[in-house]
Amino acid sequence: MNAALIHDKLFIKTFWEQKIVKHNQLTENEEQRTKNSALS
């Protein structure tokens, strides 16, 4: 395996991990917002 390929794999892995973390944070914030909402 060459270094560029390894770097690409790591980059893609961290890219998707960050996307998932961000999505989870947004989902938690939304759940918190609906819990605190006067309508629920």
Protein backbone atom coordinates (compact mmCIF):
# COMPACT_ATOMS: atom_id res chain seq x y z
CA MET A 1 0.00 0.00 0.00
CA ASN A 2 1.33 3.40 -0.83
CA ALA A 3 1.20 6.35 1.55
CA ALA A 4 -1.33 8.31 -0.52
CA LEU A 5 -3.81 5.44 -0.44
CA ILE A 6 -3.43 5.05 3.33
CA HIS A 7 -3.88 8.79 3.77
CA ASP A 8 -7.03 8.76 1.61
CA LYS A 9 -8.48 5.90 3.65
CA LEU A 10 -7.81 7.74 6.90
CA PHE A 11 -9.20 10.97 5.48
CA ILE A 12 -12.40 9.29 4.32
CA LYS A 13 -12.78 7.48 7.65
CA THR A 14 -12.34 10.63 9.73
CA PHE A 15 -14.55 12.60 7.33
CA TRP A 16 -17.47 10.20 7.83
CA GLU A 17 -16.85 9.88 11.57
CA GLN A 18 -17.06 13.67 11.88
CA LYS A 19 -20.24 13.73 9.79
CA ILE A 20 -21.83 11.08 12.03
CA VAL A 21 -20.81 12.91 15.23
CA LYS A 22 -22.21 16.18 13.88
CA HIS A 23 -25.46 14.47 12.87
CA ASN A 24 -25.79 12.89 16.33
CA GLN A 25 -25.25 16.28 17.98
CA LEU A 26 -27.92 17.88 15.78
CA THR A 27 -30.34 15.04 16.56
CA GLU A 28 -29.73 15.39 20.32
CA ASN A 29 -30.21 19.15 20.12
CA GLU A 30 -33.49 18.64 18.27
CA GLU A 31 -34.69 16.10 20.84
CA GLN A 32 -33.78 18.49 23.66
CA ARG A 33 -35.61 21.32 21.91
CA THR A 34 -38.78 19.28 21.47
CA LYS A 35 -38.67 18.13 25.11
CA ASN A 36 -38.43 21.74 26.27
CA SER A 37 -41.11 22.91 23.85
CA ALA A 38 -44.37 24.14 25.33
CA LEU A 39 -46.27 22.29 22.60
CA SER A 40 -45.18 18.80 23.62
